[in-house]
Amino acid sequence: MKLIFIWIQGSGKGTQAKILKEKYSFKIFETGWALRNIAKEESELWKRIKKTIEAGILVDINTIWDIISDFLEKNDTSSNIIFDWIPRNKEQKNLVDDLISDYKVVLFDLPKEVAEKRLLWRMFNSKTWETFVSGTLFDPKTWDKLEIRKDDNQEVIKQRIDSFYAKTIPIIEEYEAEWKLIKINANNCIESVTLDLEKSLNL
């Protein structure tokens, strides 16, 4: 089973990905996590990515292809995989279609106002880049003290969400037309969202 988790930040898709990983042994692809693992290897791919980032240039479609390909090469492609990465335009959607066969897109439907409130109070581990729900003071795995991300302020959050709606909604409409889209109501407690997700995926 190959799944793409999609919607705005704060919708809880990362939390649900972790839950499915623990309960059903899903593997997770997340761009930041993949980059950190590539960085540990000091490979030619990482040197190229690092040079791009340090020059202040956005990672291009060919590099995204290489990052996903690197992940797929290192993991059993017959296993269950969650891609916590959003194709933001037609070019990126085409890339996904070329690299991953027979996948479903899970949309964690959440009003933007609720997402903004969640993002303003979420916590962050600066060592692992993992995020946690509001009120969590320490990483339960490492006991590192958590903090609030500097870019999780109202102005930046609004810009990120507005950009998502402008660029990504047309791609979501394409997925719906292709019968690949599964909608989950993310405006519930974590446990209820998990139950709805399991039911929709027949887990």
C-alpha atoms as a PDB file:
ATOM      1  CA  MET A   1       0.000   0.000   0.000  1.00  0.00           C
ATOM      2  CA  LYS A   2       1.368   3.388  -1.058  1.00  0.00           C
ATOM      3  CA  LEU A   3      -0.215   6.487   0.461  1.00  0.00           C
ATOM      4  CA  ILE A   4       0.371  10.207   0.020  1.00  0.00           C
ATOM      5  CA  PHE A   5      -0.757  12.224   3.051  1.00  0.00           C
ATOM      6  CA  ILE A   6      -1.871  15.685   2.022  1.00  0.00           C
ATOM      7  CA  TRP A   7      -3.323  18.951   3.333  1.00  0.00           C
ATOM      8  CA  ILE A   8      -2.095  22.070   5.093  1.00  0.00           C
ATOM      9  CA  GLN A   9       0.382  22.027   7.961  1.00  0.00           C
ATOM     10  CA  GLY A  10      -1.331  21.507  11.293  1.00  0.00           C
ATOM     11  CA  SER A  11      -3.811  18.973   9.914  1.00  0.00           C
ATOM     12  CA  GLY A  12      -2.182  16.141  11.875  1.00  0.00           C
ATOM     13  CA  LYS A  13      -0.944  14.097   8.916  1.00  0.00           C
ATOM     14  CA  GLY A  14       2.521  13.690  10.453  1.00  0.00           C
ATOM     15  CA  THR A  15       1.014  12.446  13.712  1.00  0.00           C
ATOM     16  CA  GLN A  16      -1.165   9.920  11.899  1.00  0.00           C
ATOM     17  CA  ALA A  17       1.802   8.744   9.811  1.00  0.00           C
ATOM     18  CA  LYS A  18       3.701   7.965  13.031  1.00  0.00           C
ATOM     19  CA  ILE A  19       0.708   6.063  14.412  1.00  0.00           C
ATOM     20  CA  LEU A  20       0.426   3.871  11.300  1.00  0.00           C
ATOM     21  CA  LYS A  21       4.168   3.290  11.435  1.00  0.00           C
ATOM     22  CA  GLU A  22       3.898   1.999  15.006  1.00  0.00           C
ATOM     23  CA  LYS A  23       0.724  -0.048  14.520  1.00  0.00           C
ATOM     24  CA  TYR A  24       1.188  -1.401  10.994  1.00  0.00           C
ATOM     25  CA  SER A  25       4.929  -1.047  10.247  1.00  0.00           C
ATOM     26  CA  PHE A  26       4.479   1.576   7.536  1.00  0.00           C
ATOM     27  CA  LYS A  27       7.641   3.228   6.318  1.00  0.00           C
ATOM     28  CA  ILE A  28       7.515   7.019   6.098  1.00  0.00           C
ATOM     29  CA  PHE A  29       9.025   9.301   3.485  1.00  0.00           C
ATOM     30  CA  GLU A  30       9.256  12.916   4.626  1.00  0.00           C
ATOM     31  CA  THR A  31      11.523  15.334   2.762  1.00  0.00           C
ATOM     32  CA  GLY A  32      13.272  16.802   5.818  1.00  0.00           C
ATOM     33  CA  TRP A  33      13.870  13.352   7.299  1.00  0.00           C
ATOM     34  CA  ALA A  34      15.174  12.047   3.963  1.00  0.00           C
ATOM     35  CA  LEU A  35      17.557  15.002   3.651  1.00  0.00           C
ATOM     36  CA  ARG A  36      18.938  14.433   7.153  1.00  0.00           C
ATOM     37  CA  ASN A  37      19.671  10.792   6.321  1.00  0.00           C
ATOM     38  CA  ILE A  38      21.328  11.706   3.033  1.00  0.00           C
ATOM     39  CA  ALA A  39      23.417  14.298   4.896  1.00  0.00           C
ATOM     40  CA  LYS A  40      24.794  11.626   7.233  1.00  0.00           C
ATOM     41  CA  GLU A  41      26.275   9.767   4.266  1.00  0.00           C
ATOM     42  CA  GLU A  42      28.177  12.738   2.789  1.00  0.00           C
ATOM     43  CA  SER A  43      27.272  11.355  -0.635  1.00  0.00           C
ATOM     44  CA  GLU A  44      27.567  13.141  -3.965  1.00  0.00           C
ATOM     45  CA  LEU A  45      23.802  13.653  -3.852  1.00  0.00           C
ATOM     46  CA  TRP A  46      24.087  15.447  -0.514  1.00  0.00           C
ATOM     47  CA  LYS A  47      26.979  17.628  -1.721  1.00  0.00           C
ATOM     48  CA  ARG A  48      24.832  18.742  -4.658  1.00  0.00           C
ATOM     49  CA  ILE A  49      21.802  19.398  -2.451  1.00  0.00           C
ATOM     50  CA  LYS A  50      23.885  21.271   0.124  1.00  0.00           C
ATOM     51  CA  LYS A  51      25.394  23.484  -2.557  1.00  0.00           C
ATOM     52  CA  THR A  52      21.904  24.321  -3.841  1.00  0.00           C
ATOM     53  CA  ILE A  53      20.562  25.130  -0.367  1.00  0.00           C
ATOM     54  CA  GLU A  54      23.569  27.272   0.572  1.00  0.00           C
ATOM     55  CA  ALA A  55      23.148  29.268  -2.639  1.00  0.00           C
ATOM     56  CA  GLY A  56      19.587  30.079  -1.576  1.00  0.00           C
ATOM     57  CA  ILE A  57      18.125  28.256  -4.580  1.00  0.00           C
ATOM     58  CA  LEU A  58      14.969  26.161  -4.344  1.00  0.00           C
ATOM     59  CA  VAL A  59      15.510  22.438  -4.815  1.00  0.00           C
ATOM     60  CA  ASP A  60      14.488  21.660  -8.398  1.00  0.00           C
ATOM     61  CA  ILE A  61      12.312  18.843  -9.691  1.00  0.00           C
ATOM     62  CA  ASN A  62      15.291  16.701 -10.722  1.00  0.00           C
ATOM     63  CA  THR A  63      16.714  16.844  -7.194  1.00  0.00           C
ATOM     64  CA  ILE A  64      13.334  15.934  -5.699  1.00  0.00           C
ATOM     65  CA  TRP A  65      13.306  12.958  -8.077  1.00  0.00           C
ATOM     66  CA  ASP A  66      16.766  11.943  -6.835  1.00  0.00           C
ATOM     67  CA  ILE A  67      15.725  12.268  -3.167  1.00  0.00           C
ATOM     68  CA  ILE A  68      12.639  10.072  -3.610  1.00  0.00           C
ATOM     69  CA  SER A  69      14.553   7.602  -5.783  1.00  0.00           C
ATOM     70  CA  ASP A  70      17.256   7.350  -3.111  1.00  0.00           C
ATOM     71  CA  PHE A  71      14.590   6.525  -0.507  1.00  0.00           C
ATOM     72  CA  LEU A  72      12.936   3.899  -2.724  1.00  0.00           C
ATOM     73  CA  GLU A  73      16.278   2.264  -3.511  1.00  0.00           C
ATOM     74  CA  LYS A  74      17.029   1.859   0.197  1.00  0.00           C
ATOM     75  CA  ASN A  75      13.609   0.479   1.122  1.00  0.00           C
ATOM     76  CA  ASP A  76      11.561  -2.511   0.074  1.00  0.00           C
ATOM     77  CA  THR A  77       9.151  -1.010  -2.440  1.00  0.00           C
ATOM     78  CA  SER A  78       6.674  -3.848  -1.827  1.00  0.00           C
ATOM     79  CA  SER A  79       6.200  -2.670   1.765  1.00  0.00           C
ATOM     80  CA  ASN A  80       3.606  -0.180   2.995  1.00  0.00           C
ATOM     81  CA  ILE A  81       4.877   3.385   2.559  1.00  0.00           C
ATOM     82  CA  ILE A  82       3.456   6.769   3.542  1.00  0.00           C
ATOM     83  CA  PHE A  83       4.725   9.775   1.610  1.00  0.00           C
ATOM     84  CA  ASP A  84       4.319  12.782   3.878  1.00  0.00           C
ATOM     85  CA  TRP A  85       5.175  15.080   1.000  1.00  0.00           C
ATOM     86  CA  ILE A  86       2.826  17.222  -1.042  1.00  0.00           C
ATOM     87  CA  PRO A  87       3.051  17.466  -4.840  1.00  0.00           C
ATOM     88  CA  ARG A  88       2.560  21.243  -5.172  1.00  0.00           C
ATOM     89  CA  ASN A  89       2.149  21.538  -8.920  1.00  0.00           C
ATOM     90  CA  LYS A  90       1.517  19.519 -12.081  1.00  0.00           C
ATOM     91  CA  GLU A  91       5.224  18.846 -12.642  1.00  0.00           C
ATOM     92  CA  GLN A  92       5.615  17.332  -9.168  1.00  0.00           C
ATOM     93  CA  LYS A  93       2.435  15.274  -9.603  1.00  0.00           C
ATOM     94  CA  ASN A  94       3.825  13.851 -12.836  1.00  0.00           C
ATOM     95  CA  LEU A  95       7.013  12.947 -10.967  1.00  0.00           C
ATOM     96  CA  VAL A  96       5.003  11.037  -8.362  1.00  0.00           C
ATOM     97  CA  ASP A  97       3.031   9.237 -11.077  1.00  0.00           C
ATOM     98  CA  ASP A  98       6.303   8.150 -12.713  1.00  0.00           C
ATOM     99  CA  LEU A  99       7.970   6.968  -9.491  1.00  0.00           C
ATOM    100  CA  ILE A 100       5.100   5.415  -7.553  1.00  0.00           C
ATOM    101  CA  SER A 101       2.491   3.091  -8.983  1.00  0.00           C
ATOM    102  CA  ASP A 102      -0.976   2.363  -7.608  1.00  0.00           C
ATOM    103  CA  TYR A 103      -1.127   4.888  -4.774  1.00  0.00           C
ATOM    104  CA  LYS A 104      -3.928   6.619  -2.883  1.00  0.00           C
ATOM    105  CA  VAL A 105      -4.014  10.198  -1.607  1.00  0.00           C
ATOM    106  CA  VAL A 106      -5.332  10.770   1.921  1.00  0.00           C
ATOM    107  CA  LEU A 107      -6.567  14.319   2.510  1.00  0.00           C
ATOM    108  CA  PHE A 108      -6.759  15.384   6.164  1.00  0.00           C
ATOM    109  CA  ASP A 109      -9.540  17.924   5.838  1.00  0.00           C
ATOM    110  CA  LEU A 110      -9.187  20.764   8.340  1.00  0.00           C
ATOM    111  CA  PRO A 111     -10.374  24.407   8.238  1.00  0.00           C
ATOM    112  CA  LYS A 112      -7.495  26.838   7.804  1.00  0.00           C
ATOM    113  CA  GLU A 113      -8.501  28.730  10.974  1.00  0.00           C
ATOM    114  CA  VAL A 114      -8.077  25.591  13.084  1.00  0.00           C
ATOM    115  CA  ALA A 115      -4.755  24.784  11.417  1.00  0.00           C
ATOM    116  CA  GLU A 116      -3.454  28.279  12.171  1.00  0.00           C
ATOM    117  CA  LYS A 117      -4.284  27.878  15.874  1.00  0.00           C
ATOM    118  CA  ARG A 118      -2.581  24.458  16.020  1.00  0.00           C
ATOM    119  CA  LEU A 119       0.573  25.748  14.328  1.00  0.00           C
ATOM    120  CA  LEU A 120       0.842  28.758  16.613  1.00  0.00           C
ATOM    121  CA  TRP A 121       1.153  26.502  19.653  1.00  0.00           C
ATOM    122  CA  ARG A 122       2.861  23.361  18.373  1.00  0.00           C
ATOM    123  CA  MET A 123       6.227  22.358  19.813  1.00  0.00           C
ATOM    124  CA  PHE A 124       9.436  21.429  18.016  1.00  0.00           C
ATOM    125  CA  ASN A 125      12.612  19.405  18.665  1.00  0.00           C
ATOM    126  CA  SER A 126      15.477  21.408  17.137  1.00  0.00           C
ATOM    127  CA  LYS A 127      17.711  18.301  17.054  1.00  0.00           C
ATOM    128  CA  THR A 128      15.371  15.934  15.201  1.00  0.00           C
ATOM    129  CA  TRP A 129      13.012  18.462  13.544  1.00  0.00           C
ATOM    130  CA  GLU A 130      10.024  16.497  14.802  1.00  0.00           C
ATOM    131  CA  THR A 131       6.937  18.467  15.821  1.00  0.00           C
ATOM    132  CA  PHE A 132       4.576  17.782  18.707  1.00  0.00           C
ATOM    133  CA  VAL A 133       1.147  18.954  19.763  1.00  0.00           C
ATOM    134  CA  SER A 134       0.655  21.964  21.992  1.00  0.00           C
ATOM    135  CA  GLY A 135       1.435  21.364  25.649  1.00  0.00           C
ATOM    136  CA  THR A 136       4.195  18.799  25.023  1.00  0.00           C
ATOM    137  CA  LEU A 137       7.291  20.023  26.861  1.00  0.00           C
ATOM    138  CA  PHE A 138       9.745  17.167  26.204  1.00  0.00           C
ATOM    139  CA  ASP A 139      10.317  14.723  23.332  1.00  0.00           C
ATOM    140  CA  PRO A 140       8.974  11.412  24.723  1.00  0.00           C
ATOM    141  CA  LYS A 141      11.704   9.440  22.903  1.00  0.00           C
ATOM    142  CA  THR A 142      14.784  11.540  23.648  1.00  0.00           C
ATOM    143  CA  TRP A 143      13.632  13.771  26.525  1.00  0.00           C
ATOM    144  CA  ASP A 144      15.040  16.777  24.692  1.00  0.00           C
ATOM    145  CA  LYS A 145      13.361  20.010  25.751  1.00  0.00           C
ATOM    146  CA  LEU A 146      10.963  21.254  23.073  1.00  0.00           C
ATOM    147  CA  GLU A 147      10.535  24.796  21.794  1.00  0.00           C
ATOM    148  CA  ILE A 148       8.340  26.784  19.413  1.00  0.00           C
ATOM    149  CA  ARG A 149       9.681  27.197  15.881  1.00  0.00           C
ATOM    150  CA  LYS A 150      10.680  30.752  15.012  1.00  0.00           C
ATOM    151  CA  ASP A 151       8.761  30.585  11.741  1.00  0.00           C
ATOM    152  CA  ASP A 152       5.588  29.416  13.493  1.00  0.00           C
ATOM    153  CA  ASN A 153       4.274  32.938  13.838  1.00  0.00           C
ATOM    154  CA  GLN A 154       0.962  34.235  12.574  1.00  0.00           C
ATOM    155  CA  GLU A 155       2.295  36.068   9.507  1.00  0.00           C
ATOM    156  CA  VAL A 156       4.466  33.201   8.218  1.00  0.00           C
ATOM    157  CA  ILE A 157       1.813  30.578   8.966  1.00  0.00           C
ATOM    158  CA  LYS A 158      -0.781  32.542   6.992  1.00  0.00           C
ATOM    159  CA  GLN A 159       1.628  32.862   4.049  1.00  0.00           C
ATOM    160  CA  ARG A 160       2.299  29.095   4.036  1.00  0.00           C
ATOM    161  CA  ILE A 161      -1.391  28.226   4.155  1.00  0.00           C
ATOM    162  CA  ASP A 162      -2.351  30.781   1.489  1.00  0.00           C
ATOM    163  CA  SER A 163       0.413  29.422  -0.764  1.00  0.00           C
ATOM    164  CA  PHE A 164      -0.932  25.901  -0.312  1.00  0.00           C
ATOM    165  CA  TYR A 165      -4.442  26.895  -1.339  1.00  0.00           C
ATOM    166  CA  ALA A 166      -3.188  28.822  -4.363  1.00  0.00           C
ATOM    167  CA  LYS A 167      -0.842  26.145  -5.709  1.00  0.00           C
ATOM    168  CA  THR A 168      -2.063  22.758  -4.505  1.00  0.00           C
ATOM    169  CA  ILE A 169      -5.878  22.769  -4.665  1.00  0.00           C
ATOM    170  CA  PRO A 170      -5.834  22.203  -8.475  1.00  0.00           C
ATOM    171  CA  ILE A 171      -3.667  19.097  -7.942  1.00  0.00           C
ATOM    172  CA  ILE A 172      -6.091  17.793  -5.305  1.00  0.00           C
ATOM    173  CA  GLU A 173      -8.949  18.263  -7.764  1.00  0.00           C
ATOM    174  CA  GLU A 174      -7.034  16.140 -10.276  1.00  0.00           C
ATOM    175  CA  TYR A 175      -6.604  13.359  -7.706  1.00  0.00           C
ATOM    176  CA  GLU A 176     -10.320  13.478  -6.976  1.00  0.00           C
ATOM    177  CA  ALA A 177     -11.125  13.200 -10.686  1.00  0.00           C
ATOM    178  CA  GLU A 178      -8.799  10.165 -10.872  1.00  0.00           C
ATOM    179  CA  TRP A 179     -10.620   8.486  -7.935  1.00  0.00           C
ATOM    180  CA  LYS A 180      -7.400   8.434  -5.910  1.00  0.00           C
ATOM    181  CA  LEU A 181      -8.573  10.745  -3.122  1.00  0.00           C
ATOM    182  CA  ILE A 182      -9.678   9.636   0.354  1.00  0.00           C
ATOM    183  CA  LYS A 183     -10.999  12.412   2.627  1.00  0.00           C
ATOM    184  CA  ILE A 184     -10.617  12.213   6.402  1.00  0.00           C
ATOM    185  CA  ASN A 185     -12.174  14.691   8.833  1.00  0.00           C
ATOM    186  CA  ALA A 186      -9.099  15.945  10.714  1.00  0.00           C
ATOM    187  CA  ASN A 187     -11.095  18.297  12.949  1.00  0.00           C
ATOM    188  CA  ASN A 188     -11.438  15.631  15.641  1.00  0.00           C
ATOM    189  CA  CYS A 189      -9.273  14.219  18.416  1.00  0.00           C
ATOM    190  CA  ILE A 190      -6.241  12.146  17.377  1.00  0.00           C
ATOM    191  CA  GLU A 191      -7.905   8.841  18.319  1.00  0.00           C
ATOM    192  CA  SER A 192     -11.040   9.541  16.254  1.00  0.00           C
ATOM    193  CA  VAL A 193      -8.990  10.529  13.215  1.00  0.00           C
ATOM    194  CA  THR A 194      -6.977   7.308  13.526  1.00  0.00           C
ATOM    195  CA  LEU A 195     -10.171   5.208  13.652  1.00  0.00           C
ATOM    196  CA  ASP A 196     -11.574   6.954  10.559  1.00  0.00           C
ATOM    197  CA  LEU A 197      -8.268   6.460   8.762  1.00  0.00           C
ATOM    198  CA  GLU A 198      -8.098   2.753   9.613  1.00  0.00           C
ATOM    199  CA  LYS A 199     -11.692   2.240   8.443  1.00  0.00           C
ATOM    200  CA  SER A 200     -11.123   4.097   5.172  1.00  0.00           C
ATOM    201  CA  LEU A 201      -7.957   2.079   4.441  1.00  0.00           C
ATOM    202  CA  ASN A 202      -9.433  -1.268   5.611  1.00  0.00           C
ATOM    203  CA  LEU A 203      -6.625  -1.736   8.143  1.00  0.00           C
END
